[in-house]
PDB file of N, CA and C in Angstrom:
ATOM      1  N   MET A   1       0.573  -1.792  -0.028  1.00  0.00           N
ATOM      2  CA  MET A   1      -0.073   0.116   0.426  1.00  0.00           C
ATOM      3  C   MET A   1       0.689   1.151   0.202  1.00  0.00           C
ATOM      4  N   SER A   2       1.812   1.101   0.528  1.00  0.00           N
ATOM      5  CA  SER A   2       2.942   2.529   1.035  1.00  0.00           C
ATOM      6  C   SER A   2       3.502   2.690  -0.594  1.00  0.00           C
ATOM      7  N   ILE A   3       3.945   1.358  -0.582  1.00  0.00           N
ATOM      8  CA  ILE A   3       4.525   1.637  -2.748  1.00  0.00           C
ATOM      9  C   ILE A   3       3.271   2.074  -3.281  1.00  0.00           C
ATOM     10  N   ILE A   4       2.279   2.274  -3.653  1.00  0.00           N
ATOM     11  CA  ILE A   4       1.211   2.600  -4.408  1.00  0.00           C
ATOM     12  C   ILE A   4       1.355   4.115  -4.052  1.00  0.00           C
ATOM     13  N   VAL A   5       1.361   4.491  -2.895  1.00  0.00           N
ATOM     14  CA  VAL A   5       1.063   6.342  -2.702  1.00  0.00           C
ATOM     15  C   VAL A   5       2.587   7.364  -2.612  1.00  0.00           C
ATOM     16  N   SER A   6       3.335   6.098  -1.873  1.00  0.00           N
ATOM     17  CA  SER A   6       4.599   7.105  -2.817  1.00  0.00           C
ATOM     18  C   SER A   6       4.301   6.922  -4.825  1.00  0.00           C
ATOM     19  N   VAL A   7       4.087   6.266  -4.939  1.00  0.00           N
ATOM     20  CA  VAL A   7       4.127   6.433  -6.534  1.00  0.00           C
ATOM     21  C   VAL A   7       3.042   7.334  -6.622  1.00  0.00           C
ATOM     22  N   PHE A   8       2.342   7.808  -5.928  1.00  0.00           N
ATOM     23  CA  PHE A   8       0.933   8.375  -6.444  1.00  0.00           C
ATOM     24  C   PHE A   8       1.362  10.397  -6.195  1.00  0.00           C
ATOM     25  N   PHE A   9       2.060  10.028  -5.211  1.00  0.00           N
ATOM     26  CA  PHE A   9       2.398  11.607  -4.586  1.00  0.00           C
ATOM     27  C   PHE A   9       3.233  12.005  -5.370  1.00  0.00           C
ATOM     28  N   TYR A  10       4.958  10.735  -5.894  1.00  0.00           N
ATOM     29  CA  TYR A  10       5.734  11.225  -6.678  1.00  0.00           C
ATOM     30  C   TYR A  10       4.414  12.091  -8.699  1.00  0.00           C
ATOM     31  N   PHE A  11       4.005  10.679  -8.969  1.00  0.00           N
ATOM     32  CA  PHE A  11       3.696  12.245  -9.720  1.00  0.00           C
ATOM     33  C   PHE A  11       2.016  13.200  -9.724  1.00  0.00           C
ATOM     34  N   VAL A  12       2.245  13.227  -8.976  1.00  0.00           N
ATOM     35  CA  VAL A  12       0.956  14.592  -8.599  1.00  0.00           C
ATOM     36  C   VAL A  12       2.799  15.633  -8.241  1.00  0.00           C
ATOM     37  N   PHE A  13       3.637  14.911  -7.595  1.00  0.00           N
ATOM     38  CA  PHE A  13       4.460  16.332  -7.738  1.00  0.00           C
ATOM     39  C   PHE A  13       5.579  16.578  -9.221  1.00  0.00           C
ATOM     40  N   ALA A  14       4.914  15.734  -9.522  1.00  0.00           N
ATOM     41  CA  ALA A  14       5.912  16.379 -10.774  1.00  0.00           C
ATOM     42  C   ALA A  14       5.128  16.646 -11.863  1.00  0.00           C
ATOM     43  N   LEU A  15       3.629  16.880 -11.637  1.00  0.00           N
ATOM     44  CA  LEU A  15       2.584  17.076 -12.233  1.00  0.00           C
ATOM     45  C   LEU A  15       2.426  19.012 -12.103  1.00  0.00           C
ATOM     46  N   ILE A  16       2.327  19.015 -10.346  1.00  0.00           N
ATOM     47  CA  ILE A  16       2.629  20.194 -10.559  1.00  0.00           C
ATOM     48  C   ILE A  16       3.928  21.553 -10.776  1.00  0.00           C
ATOM     49  N   TYR A  17       5.028  20.407 -10.353  1.00  0.00           N
ATOM     50  CA  TYR A  17       5.863  20.778  -9.693  1.00  0.00           C
ATOM     51  C   TYR A  17       6.338  21.258 -11.781  1.00  0.00           C
ATOM     52  N   ASN A  18       6.367  21.103 -13.078  1.00  0.00           N
ATOM     53  CA  ASN A  18       5.664  21.374 -14.236  1.00  0.00           C
ATOM     54  C   ASN A  18       4.912  21.623 -15.066  1.00  0.00           C
ATOM     55  N   GLY A  19       3.880  22.167 -14.448  1.00  0.00           N
ATOM     56  CA  GLY A  19       3.666  22.676 -14.803  1.00  0.00           C
ATOM     57  C   GLY A  19       3.049  23.795 -14.536  1.00  0.00           C
ATOM     58  N   MET A  20       3.968  24.485 -13.167  1.00  0.00           N
ATOM     59  CA  MET A  20       4.423  25.928 -13.077  1.00  0.00           C
ATOM     60  C   MET A  20       4.815  26.275 -14.122  1.00  0.00           C
ATOM     61  N   CYS A  21       4.662  27.151 -14.217  1.00  0.00           N
ATOM     62  CA  CYS A  21       6.155  28.806 -14.819  1.00  0.00           C
ATOM     63  C   CYS A  21       6.394  30.079 -14.577  1.00  0.00           C
ATOM     64  N   VAL A  22       7.843  30.006 -13.682  1.00  0.00           N
ATOM     65  CA  VAL A  22       7.638  31.004 -13.951  1.00  0.00           C
ATOM     66  C   VAL A  22       8.154  32.137 -13.633  1.00  0.00           C
ATOM     67  N   ASN A  23       8.928  31.747 -15.225  1.00  0.00           N
ATOM     68  CA  ASN A  23       9.145  33.163 -16.256  1.00  0.00           C
ATOM     69  C   ASN A  23       9.008  32.900 -17.707  1.00  0.00           C
ATOM     70  N   CYS A  24       7.849  32.241 -17.826  1.00  0.00           N
ATOM     71  CA  CYS A  24       7.382  31.854 -19.605  1.00  0.00           C
ATOM     72  C   CYS A  24       6.655  33.079 -19.548  1.00  0.00           C
ATOM     73  N   LEU A  25       7.704  34.136 -20.964  1.00  0.00           N
ATOM     74  CA  LEU A  25       8.064  35.387 -21.560  1.00  0.00           C
ATOM     75  C   LEU A  25       7.056  35.194 -22.884  1.00  0.00           C
ATOM     76  N   GLY A  26       6.503  34.058 -22.910  1.00  0.00           N
ATOM     77  CA  GLY A  26       4.931  34.010 -23.946  1.00  0.00           C
ATOM     78  C   GLY A  26       5.732  33.278 -25.546  1.00  0.00           C
ATOM     79  N   PRO A  27       5.279  33.001 -26.638  1.00  0.00           N
ATOM     80  CA  PRO A  27       5.442  31.869 -27.539  1.00  0.00           C
ATOM     81  C   PRO A  27       6.780  32.074 -28.004  1.00  0.00           C
ATOM     82  N   ASP A  28       7.581  33.593 -27.846  1.00  0.00           N
ATOM     83  CA  ASP A  28       8.202  33.734 -28.264  1.00  0.00           C
ATOM     84  C   ASP A  28      10.110  32.106 -27.940  1.00  0.00           C
ATOM     85  N   ASN A  29       9.579  31.659 -26.936  1.00  0.00           N
ATOM     86  CA  ASN A  29      10.803  31.777 -25.395  1.00  0.00           C
ATOM     87  C   ASN A  29       9.840  30.606 -25.365  1.00  0.00           C
ATOM     88  N   PRO A  30      10.765  29.079 -26.083  1.00  0.00           N
ATOM     89  CA  PRO A  30       9.840  27.989 -25.891  1.00  0.00           C
ATOM     90  C   PRO A  30      10.055  27.568 -24.359  1.00  0.00           C
ATOM     91  N   VAL A  31       9.554  27.704 -23.361  1.00  0.00           N
ATOM     92  CA  VAL A  31       9.989  27.145 -22.108  1.00  0.00           C
ATOM     93  C   VAL A  31       9.671  25.231 -22.220  1.00  0.00           C
ATOM     94  N   PRO A  32      10.154  24.073 -21.198  1.00  0.00           N
ATOM     95  CA  PRO A  32       9.515  23.185 -21.407  1.00  0.00           C
ATOM     96  C   PRO A  32       9.070  22.745 -20.294  1.00  0.00           C
ATOM     97  N   TYR A  33       7.515  23.466 -20.187  1.00  0.00           N
ATOM     98  CA  TYR A  33       6.802  23.299 -18.476  1.00  0.00           C
ATOM     99  C   TYR A  33       5.616  22.318 -20.164  1.00  0.00           C
ATOM    100  N   TRP A  34       5.114  21.767 -18.785  1.00  0.00           N
ATOM    101  CA  TRP A  34       4.100  20.718 -19.330  1.00  0.00           C
ATOM    102  C   TRP A  34       4.101  20.246 -20.186  1.00  0.00           C
ATOM    103  N   VAL A  35       5.431  19.391 -20.200  1.00  0.00           N
ATOM    104  CA  VAL A  35       5.855  18.127 -21.096  1.00  0.00           C
ATOM    105  C   VAL A  35       5.022  16.647 -20.136  1.00  0.00           C
ATOM    106  N   ILE A  36       5.300  16.817 -18.907  1.00  0.00           N
ATOM    107  CA  ILE A  36       5.091  15.745 -18.581  1.00  0.00           C
ATOM    108  C   ILE A  36       3.502  14.924 -18.627  1.00  0.00           C
ATOM    109  N   GLN A  37       2.658  16.127 -18.862  1.00  0.00           N
ATOM    110  CA  GLN A  37       1.279  16.284 -18.555  1.00  0.00           C
ATOM    111  C   GLN A  37       1.149  16.213 -20.350  1.00  0.00           C
ATOM    112  N   ARG A  38       1.661  16.181 -21.471  1.00  0.00           N
ATOM    113  CA  ARG A  38       1.612  16.166 -22.534  1.00  0.00           C
ATOM    114  C   ARG A  38       2.105  14.276 -23.416  1.00  0.00           C
ATOM    115  N   SER A  39       3.123  13.831 -22.391  1.00  0.00           N
ATOM    116  CA  SER A  39       4.145  12.506 -22.107  1.00  0.00           C
ATOM    117  C   SER A  39       3.058  11.648 -21.589  1.00  0.00           C
ATOM    118  N   MET A  40       2.070  11.843 -20.288  1.00  0.00           N
ATOM    119  CA  MET A  40       1.223  10.924 -19.288  1.00  0.00           C
ATOM    120  C   MET A  40       0.626  11.042 -20.094  1.00  0.00           C
ATOM    121  N   GLY A  41       0.288  11.577 -22.058  1.00  0.00           N
ATOM    122  CA  GLY A  41      -0.516  10.604 -22.676  1.00  0.00           C
ATOM    123  C   GLY A  41      -0.729   9.667 -23.911  1.00  0.00           C
ATOM    124  N   THR A  42       0.973   9.176 -23.579  1.00  0.00           N
ATOM    125  CA  THR A  42       1.188   8.771 -24.468  1.00  0.00           C
ATOM    126  C   THR A  42       0.991   7.221 -24.132  1.00  0.00           C
ATOM    127  N   VAL A  43       0.879   6.004 -25.131  1.00  0.00           N
ATOM    128  CA  VAL A  43       1.601   4.444 -23.519  1.00  0.00           C
ATOM    129  C   VAL A  43       2.818   4.052 -23.918  1.00  0.00           C
ATOM    130  N   GLN A  44       3.358   4.814 -25.286  1.00  0.00           N
ATOM    131  CA  GLN A  44       4.370   5.048 -24.644  1.00  0.00           C
ATOM    132  C   GLN A  44       4.758   5.483 -23.674  1.00  0.00           C
ATOM    133  N   PHE A  45       4.673   6.106 -22.573  1.00  0.00           N
ATOM    134  CA  PHE A  45       5.390   6.938 -21.857  1.00  0.00           C
ATOM    135  C   PHE A  45       4.578   5.380 -20.350  1.00  0.00           C
ATOM    136  N   TRP A  46       3.599   5.475 -20.640  1.00  0.00           N
ATOM    137  CA  TRP A  46       3.517   4.044 -19.155  1.00  0.00           C
ATOM    138  C   TRP A  46       3.979   2.854 -19.086  1.00  0.00           C
ATOM    139  N   ALA A  47       3.827   2.385 -20.753  1.00  0.00           N
ATOM    140  CA  ALA A  47       4.928   0.757 -20.750  1.00  0.00           C
ATOM    141  C   ALA A  47       6.045   0.992 -20.477  1.00  0.00           C
ATOM    142  N   ILE A  48       6.860   2.283 -20.524  1.00  0.00           N
ATOM    143  CA  ILE A  48       7.807   3.170 -20.189  1.00  0.00           C
ATOM    144  C   ILE A  48       8.147   2.155 -18.573  1.00  0.00           C
ATOM    145  N   CYS A  49       7.134   3.364 -17.663  1.00  0.00           N
ATOM    146  CA  CYS A  49       7.361   3.190 -16.349  1.00  0.00           C
ATOM    147  C   CYS A  49       6.892   1.665 -16.172  1.00  0.00           C
ATOM    148  N   LEU A  50       5.970   0.786 -16.878  1.00  0.00           N
ATOM    149  CA  LEU A  50       5.852  -0.199 -15.707  1.00  0.00           C
ATOM    150  C   LEU A  50       6.921  -1.541 -16.846  1.00  0.00           C
ATOM    151  N   LEU A  51       7.948  -1.317 -17.898  1.00  0.00           N
ATOM    152  CA  LEU A  51       9.383  -1.783 -18.309  1.00  0.00           C
ATOM    153  C   LEU A  51       9.827  -1.610 -16.950  1.00  0.00           C
ATOM    154  N   ALA A  52      10.335  -0.190 -16.474  1.00  0.00           N
ATOM    155  CA  ALA A  52      11.118   0.367 -15.313  1.00  0.00           C
ATOM    156  C   ALA A  52      10.690  -0.335 -14.337  1.00  0.00           C
ATOM    157  N   ALA A  53       9.688  -0.821 -13.190  1.00  0.00           N
ATOM    158  CA  ALA A  53       9.072  -1.060 -12.352  1.00  0.00           C
ATOM    159  C   ALA A  53       9.799  -3.143 -12.464  1.00  0.00           C
ATOM    160  N   VAL A  54       9.340  -3.547 -13.762  1.00  0.00           N
ATOM    161  CA  VAL A  54       9.891  -4.489 -13.398  1.00  0.00           C
ATOM    162  C   VAL A  54      11.066  -5.167 -13.239  1.00  0.00           C
ATOM    163  N   MET A  55      11.820  -3.746 -14.092  1.00  0.00           N
ATOM    164  CA  MET A  55      12.982  -4.374 -14.498  1.00  0.00           C
ATOM    165  C   MET A  55      14.400  -4.341 -12.865  1.00  0.00           C
ATOM    166  N   ALA A  56      13.348  -3.198 -12.283  1.00  0.00           N
ATOM    167  CA  ALA A  56      13.984  -2.893 -10.708  1.00  0.00           C
ATOM    168  C   ALA A  56      13.893  -4.136 -10.070  1.00  0.00           C
ATOM    169  N   VAL A  57      12.324  -5.049  -9.762  1.00  0.00           N
ATOM    170  CA  VAL A  57      12.087  -6.035  -9.292  1.00  0.00           C
ATOM    171  C   VAL A  57      12.772  -7.271  -9.788  1.00  0.00           C
ATOM    172  N   LEU A  58      13.313  -7.097 -10.394  1.00  0.00           N
ATOM    173  CA  LEU A  58      13.785  -8.662 -11.678  1.00  0.00           C
ATOM    174  C   LEU A  58      14.644  -8.922 -10.805  1.00  0.00           C
ATOM    175  N   PRO A  59      15.919  -8.480  -9.777  1.00  0.00           N
ATOM    176  CA  PRO A  59      17.206  -9.231  -9.362  1.00  0.00           C
ATOM    177  C   PRO A  59      16.695  -8.987  -8.350  1.00  0.00           C
ATOM    178  N   ARG A  60      16.084  -8.991  -7.215  1.00  0.00           N
ATOM    179  CA  ARG A  60      15.149  -9.562  -6.186  1.00  0.00           C
ATOM    180  C   ARG A  60      14.627 -10.926  -6.790  1.00  0.00           C
ATOM    181  N   TYR A  61      14.008 -10.798  -7.267  1.00  0.00           N
ATOM    182  CA  TYR A  61      12.321 -12.358  -7.811  1.00  0.00           C
ATOM    183  C   TYR A  61      13.923 -13.104  -8.532  1.00  0.00           C
ATOM    184  N   ASN A  62      15.318 -13.519  -9.302  1.00  0.00           N
ATOM    185  CA  ASN A  62      15.974 -13.760  -9.973  1.00  0.00           C
ATOM    186  C   ASN A  62      17.214 -14.618  -8.452  1.00  0.00           C
ATOM    187  N   PHE A  63      17.143 -13.619  -8.007  1.00  0.00           N
ATOM    188  CA  PHE A  63      18.129 -13.796  -5.987  1.00  0.00           C
ATOM    189  C   PHE A  63      17.297 -14.938  -6.068  1.00  0.00           C
ATOM    190  N   HIS A  64      16.664 -14.718  -5.293  1.00  0.00           N
ATOM    191  CA  HIS A  64      14.528 -15.568  -4.700  1.00  0.00           C
ATOM    192  C   HIS A  64      14.687 -17.029  -5.521  1.00  0.00           C
ATOM    193  N   PHE A  65      14.360 -16.992  -6.597  1.00  0.00           N
ATOM    194  CA  PHE A  65      14.716 -18.717  -7.359  1.00  0.00           C
ATOM    195  C   PHE A  65      15.709 -18.898  -7.475  1.00  0.00           C
ATOM    196  N   CYS A  66      16.773 -18.375  -8.027  1.00  0.00           N
ATOM    197  CA  CYS A  66      18.108 -18.479  -7.285  1.00  0.00           C
ATOM    198  C   CYS A  66      18.629 -20.240  -6.083  1.00  0.00           C
ATOM    199  N   SER A  67      18.021 -18.920  -5.424  1.00  0.00           N
ATOM    200  CA  SER A  67      18.721 -19.262  -4.306  1.00  0.00           C
ATOM    201  C   SER A  67      17.419 -20.248  -3.183  1.00  0.00           C
ATOM    202  N   THR A  68      16.211 -21.145  -4.080  1.00  0.00           N
ATOM    203  CA  THR A  68      15.348 -21.724  -3.896  1.00  0.00           C
ATOM    204  C   THR A  68      14.892 -22.976  -4.557  1.00  0.00           C
ATOM    205  N   SER A  69      15.746 -22.892  -5.119  1.00  0.00           N
ATOM    206  CA  SER A  69      15.530 -23.618  -6.965  1.00  0.00           C
ATOM    207  C   SER A  69      15.603 -24.751  -6.515  1.00  0.00           C
ATOM    208  N   THR A  70      15.694 -25.917  -5.782  1.00  0.00           N
ATOM    209  CA  THR A  70      16.304 -27.722  -6.181  1.00  0.00           C
ATOM    210  C   THR A  70      17.248 -27.622  -7.409  1.00  0.00           C
ATOM    211  N   LEU A  71      16.796 -26.900  -8.442  1.00  0.00           N
ATOM    212  CA  LEU A  71      17.658 -27.067  -9.883  1.00  0.00           C
ATOM    213  C   LEU A  71      19.472 -26.426  -8.958  1.00  0.00           C
ATOM    214  N   TYR A  72      19.143 -25.158  -8.872  1.00  0.00           N
ATOM    215  CA  TYR A  72      19.945 -24.339  -8.258  1.00  0.00           C
ATOM    216  C   TYR A  72      20.725 -24.580  -6.743  1.00  0.00           C
ATOM    217  N   TRP A  73      20.337 -24.987  -6.430  1.00  0.00           N
ATOM    218  CA  TRP A  73      20.821 -25.562  -4.816  1.00  0.00           C
ATOM    219  C   TRP A  73      20.355 -26.912  -4.649  1.00  0.00           C
ATOM    220  N   ARG A  74      20.867 -27.615  -4.643  1.00  0.00           N
ATOM    221  CA  ARG A  74      20.561 -29.394  -4.027  1.00  0.00           C
ATOM    222  C   ARG A  74      20.405 -29.224  -3.005  1.00  0.00           C
ATOM    223  N   HIS A  75      18.567 -29.899  -2.451  1.00  0.00           N
ATOM    224  CA  HIS A  75      19.364 -29.346  -0.283  1.00  0.00           C
ATOM    225  C   HIS A  75      19.253 -31.289   0.238  1.00  0.00           C
ATOM    226  N   ASP A  76      19.515 -32.608  -1.051  1.00  0.00           N
ATOM    227  CA  ASP A  76      19.141 -33.415  -0.164  1.00  0.00           C
ATOM    228  C   ASP A  76      20.596 -34.074   0.167  1.00  0.00           C
ATOM    229  N   ILE A  77      21.290 -33.501  -0.286  1.00  0.00           N
ATOM    230  CA  ILE A  77      22.839 -34.279  -0.303  1.00  0.00           C
ATOM    231  C   ILE A  77      23.324 -33.359   1.465  1.00  0.00           C
ATOM    232  N   PRO A  78      23.632 -34.942   2.127  1.00  0.00           N
ATOM    233  CA  PRO A  78      23.833 -34.740   3.822  1.00  0.00           C
ATOM    234  C   PRO A  78      25.277 -33.965   4.128  1.00  0.00           C
ATOM    235  N   PHE A  79      25.237 -32.588   4.871  1.00  0.00           N
ATOM    236  CA  PHE A  79      25.936 -32.173   5.465  1.00  0.00           C
ATOM    237  C   PHE A  79      27.243 -33.098   6.302  1.00  0.00           C
ATOM    238  N   VAL A  80      28.575 -32.770   5.403  1.00  0.00           N
ATOM    239  CA  VAL A  80      29.540 -33.697   6.199  1.00  0.00           C
ATOM    240  C   VAL A  80      30.113 -32.456   7.308  1.00  0.00           C
ATOM    241  N   ARG A  81      30.024 -32.624   9.053  1.00  0.00           N
ATOM    242  CA  ARG A  81      30.227 -32.966   9.427  1.00  0.00           C
ATOM    243  C   ARG A  81      32.110 -33.403   9.500  1.00  0.00           C
TER     244      ARG A  81
END
């Protein structure tokens, strides 16, 4: 639950921060504001967000699989004292 709230507040902060224009001088000055608002409307943005989240947790699940799998670690071998 806390991860969902954290991601939600991150996007809220990003939307507010990128929506403010401190010194907009008009159409002559191309300022990079409202970029995230435009990009959040694309499928590519959400696919990259999902891919980044999957890639971030992949090493943990890979380690968990390798440490608990009998394919990589045989538990039936008796320990020699």
